[in-house]
Amino acid sequence: MIPIPRRLLIHSCELVTELPKDKWGNVSTESVVLSCVRIEPCAKVVKGADGIDVQLSAVLFFDTHTSCPRSAVFKLSGDGGCERQTVIFDGRRYVVGSVERLYDTKGVHHLEIGLI
């Protein structure tokens, strides 16, 4: 399958990962700018990390070949030392609510990140 065309991946956003609190209770974050992504409004209901139904506000499309940086990792709360991830786009802050990997014959083609 071919990558999502660059002309469709017109957005950039910031991905902020909250790390677990240190022994003094301080929260630190890591931030990365994502480019060549697409963010579309959405009204889909999905199961959250805790098993509760949540309604998504938007979906972020991240192509594994075109979007940058390719090393970006999306996590749900509690995954691998992550308290939570947020996406800042167009002045709004969204919480990552779901991560779907869509495959082609060679592996992961793109990710669809559900934003709450």
C-alpha atoms as a PDB file:
ATOM      1  CA  MET A   1       0.000   0.000   0.000  1.00  0.00           C
ATOM      2  CA  ILE A   2       1.291   3.494  -0.764  1.00  0.00           C
ATOM      3  CA  PRO A   3       1.804   6.091   2.008  1.00  0.00           C
ATOM      4  CA  ILE A   4      -0.893   8.679   2.654  1.00  0.00           C
ATOM      5  CA  PRO A   5      -0.195  11.498   0.151  1.00  0.00           C
ATOM      6  CA  ARG A   6       1.688  14.434   1.689  1.00  0.00           C
ATOM      7  CA  ARG A   7      -0.864  16.872   0.231  1.00  0.00           C
ATOM      8  CA  LEU A   8      -3.461  15.373   2.605  1.00  0.00           C
ATOM      9  CA  LEU A   9      -1.208  15.592   5.692  1.00  0.00           C
ATOM     10  CA  ILE A  10      -1.511  19.354   6.092  1.00  0.00           C
ATOM     11  CA  HIS A  11      -1.361  19.783   9.867  1.00  0.00           C
ATOM     12  CA  SER A  12       1.247  20.106  12.599  1.00  0.00           C
ATOM     13  CA  CYS A  13       0.666  19.718  16.324  1.00  0.00           C
ATOM     14  CA  GLU A  14       2.498  19.220  19.599  1.00  0.00           C
ATOM     15  CA  LEU A  15       2.514  15.887  21.444  1.00  0.00           C
ATOM     16  CA  VAL A  16       3.076  16.304  25.201  1.00  0.00           C
ATOM     17  CA  THR A  17       3.824  13.246  27.338  1.00  0.00           C
ATOM     18  CA  GLU A  18       3.398  13.524  31.103  1.00  0.00           C
ATOM     19  CA  LEU A  19       5.919  11.332  32.890  1.00  0.00           C
ATOM     20  CA  PRO A  20       5.251   9.698  36.279  1.00  0.00           C
ATOM     21  CA  LYS A  21       5.736  11.890  39.343  1.00  0.00           C
ATOM     22  CA  ASP A  22       9.179  11.846  40.901  1.00  0.00           C
ATOM     23  CA  LYS A  23       9.740  11.037  44.574  1.00  0.00           C
ATOM     24  CA  TRP A  24       8.952  14.675  45.493  1.00  0.00           C
ATOM     25  CA  GLY A  25       5.645  14.641  43.593  1.00  0.00           C
ATOM     26  CA  ASN A  26       6.823  16.819  40.710  1.00  0.00           C
ATOM     27  CA  VAL A  27       5.435  16.105  37.241  1.00  0.00           C
ATOM     28  CA  SER A  28       7.719  16.481  34.235  1.00  0.00           C
ATOM     29  CA  THR A  29       6.784  16.422  30.562  1.00  0.00           C
ATOM     30  CA  GLU A  30       8.371  15.659  27.224  1.00  0.00           C
ATOM     31  CA  SER A  31       7.194  17.522  24.158  1.00  0.00           C
ATOM     32  CA  VAL A  32       7.649  16.854  20.441  1.00  0.00           C
ATOM     33  CA  VAL A  33       6.281  18.655  17.380  1.00  0.00           C
ATOM     34  CA  LEU A  34       4.520  16.375  14.894  1.00  0.00           C
ATOM     35  CA  SER A  35       4.405  17.469  11.260  1.00  0.00           C
ATOM     36  CA  CYS A  36       2.716  16.092   8.152  1.00  0.00           C
ATOM     37  CA  VAL A  37      -0.233  14.738  10.116  1.00  0.00           C
ATOM     38  CA  ARG A  38      -3.978  15.178   9.651  1.00  0.00           C
ATOM     39  CA  ILE A  39      -6.505  15.988  12.358  1.00  0.00           C
ATOM     40  CA  GLU A  40     -10.181  15.523  11.566  1.00  0.00           C
ATOM     41  CA  PRO A  41     -13.233  16.185  13.770  1.00  0.00           C
ATOM     42  CA  CYS A  42     -14.966  13.024  14.922  1.00  0.00           C
ATOM     43  CA  ALA A  43     -18.007  11.923  16.933  1.00  0.00           C
ATOM     44  CA  LYS A  44     -17.092   8.258  17.392  1.00  0.00           C
ATOM     45  CA  VAL A  45     -17.554   6.419  20.706  1.00  0.00           C
ATOM     46  CA  VAL A  46     -14.713   4.074  21.759  1.00  0.00           C
ATOM     47  CA  LYS A  47     -13.662   2.149  24.873  1.00  0.00           C
ATOM     48  CA  GLY A  48     -11.096   4.101  26.869  1.00  0.00           C
ATOM     49  CA  ALA A  49      -8.040   2.631  28.595  1.00  0.00           C
ATOM     50  CA  ASP A  50     -10.136   2.002  31.708  1.00  0.00           C
ATOM     51  CA  GLY A  51     -12.923   0.240  29.771  1.00  0.00           C
ATOM     52  CA  ILE A  52     -15.360   3.158  29.906  1.00  0.00           C
ATOM     53  CA  ASP A  53     -17.026   4.428  26.705  1.00  0.00           C
ATOM     54  CA  VAL A  54     -15.751   7.863  25.665  1.00  0.00           C
ATOM     55  CA  GLN A  55     -16.691  10.089  22.749  1.00  0.00           C
ATOM     56  CA  LEU A  56     -13.815  11.268  20.589  1.00  0.00           C
ATOM     57  CA  SER A  57     -13.572  14.911  19.540  1.00  0.00           C
ATOM     58  CA  ALA A  58     -11.029  14.339  16.771  1.00  0.00           C
ATOM     59  CA  VAL A  59      -8.803  11.745  15.108  1.00  0.00           C
ATOM     60  CA  LEU A  60      -5.111  12.300  14.353  1.00  0.00           C
ATOM     61  CA  PHE A  61      -3.764  10.399  11.331  1.00  0.00           C
ATOM     62  CA  PHE A  62      -0.034   9.633  11.582  1.00  0.00           C
ATOM     63  CA  ASP A  63       1.488   7.988   8.496  1.00  0.00           C
ATOM     64  CA  THR A  64       4.474   5.757   9.294  1.00  0.00           C
ATOM     65  CA  HIS A  65       6.312   6.854   6.125  1.00  0.00           C
ATOM     66  CA  THR A  66       5.403  10.529   5.692  1.00  0.00           C
ATOM     67  CA  SER A  67       4.681  11.943   9.166  1.00  0.00           C
ATOM     68  CA  CYS A  68       7.563  13.255  11.290  1.00  0.00           C
ATOM     69  CA  PRO A  69       9.233  12.395  13.513  1.00  0.00           C
ATOM     70  CA  ARG A  70       8.983   8.710  12.713  1.00  0.00           C
ATOM     71  CA  SER A  71      10.197   7.946  16.232  1.00  0.00           C
ATOM     72  CA  ALA A  72       7.011   9.396  17.806  1.00  0.00           C
ATOM     73  CA  VAL A  73       5.366   6.977  20.222  1.00  0.00           C
ATOM     74  CA  PHE A  74       1.701   7.215  21.202  1.00  0.00           C
ATOM     75  CA  LYS A  75       0.666   5.784  24.561  1.00  0.00           C
ATOM     76  CA  LEU A  76      -2.441   5.535  26.667  1.00  0.00           C
ATOM     77  CA  SER A  77      -2.436   6.348  30.380  1.00  0.00           C
ATOM     78  CA  GLY A  78      -0.387   3.767  32.271  1.00  0.00           C
ATOM     79  CA  ASP A  79       1.470   2.477  29.188  1.00  0.00           C
ATOM     80  CA  GLY A  80       5.230   2.252  29.693  1.00  0.00           C
ATOM     81  CA  GLY A  81       5.743   4.935  32.313  1.00  0.00           C
ATOM     82  CA  CYS A  82       3.297   7.430  30.821  1.00  0.00           C
ATOM     83  CA  GLU A  83       0.750   9.247  32.988  1.00  0.00           C
ATOM     84  CA  ARG A  84      -1.042  10.628  29.921  1.00  0.00           C
ATOM     85  CA  GLN A  85      -0.419  12.194  26.532  1.00  0.00           C
ATOM     86  CA  THR A  86      -2.027  15.317  25.175  1.00  0.00           C
ATOM     87  CA  VAL A  87      -2.068  16.816  21.700  1.00  0.00           C
ATOM     88  CA  ILE A  88      -2.123  20.589  21.290  1.00  0.00           C
ATOM     89  CA  PHE A  89      -3.627  21.646  17.959  1.00  0.00           C
ATOM     90  CA  ASP A  90      -5.076  24.964  16.874  1.00  0.00           C
ATOM     91  CA  GLY A  91      -5.091  26.293  20.440  1.00  0.00           C
ATOM     92  CA  ARG A  92      -6.994  23.284  21.845  1.00  0.00           C
ATOM     93  CA  ARG A  93      -5.663  20.563  24.109  1.00  0.00           C
ATOM     94  CA  TYR A  94      -6.842  16.997  23.436  1.00  0.00           C
ATOM     95  CA  VAL A  95      -6.146  13.859  25.501  1.00  0.00           C
ATOM     96  CA  VAL A  96      -5.076  10.688  23.685  1.00  0.00           C
ATOM     97  CA  GLY A  97      -8.003   8.301  24.165  1.00  0.00           C
ATOM     98  CA  SER A  98      -7.235   5.470  21.755  1.00  0.00           C
ATOM     99  CA  VAL A  99      -4.444   4.249  19.504  1.00  0.00           C
ATOM    100  CA  GLU A 100      -5.270   2.111  16.461  1.00  0.00           C
ATOM    101  CA  ARG A 101      -2.590   0.603  14.261  1.00  0.00           C
ATOM    102  CA  LEU A 102      -3.724  -0.063  10.695  1.00  0.00           C
ATOM    103  CA  TYR A 103      -1.671  -2.555   8.717  1.00  0.00           C
ATOM    104  CA  ASP A 104      -0.875  -3.292   5.099  1.00  0.00           C
ATOM    105  CA  THR A 105       1.043  -6.295   3.721  1.00  0.00           C
ATOM    106  CA  LYS A 106       4.395  -4.933   4.986  1.00  0.00           C
ATOM    107  CA  GLY A 107       3.441  -3.896   8.522  1.00  0.00           C
ATOM    108  CA  VAL A 108       1.945  -0.802  10.149  1.00  0.00           C
ATOM    109  CA  HIS A 109       0.688   1.578   7.445  1.00  0.00           C
ATOM    110  CA  HIS A 110      -0.606   4.402   9.649  1.00  0.00           C
ATOM    111  CA  LEU A 111      -1.888   5.149  13.128  1.00  0.00           C
ATOM    112  CA  GLU A 112      -5.270   6.624  13.997  1.00  0.00           C
ATOM    113  CA  ILE A 113      -5.080   8.379  17.342  1.00  0.00           C
ATOM    114  CA  GLY A 114      -8.452   9.047  18.973  1.00  0.00           C
ATOM    115  CA  LEU A 115      -8.494  12.411  20.752  1.00  0.00           C
ATOM    116  CA  ILE A 116     -10.868  13.296  23.572  1.00  0.00           C
END
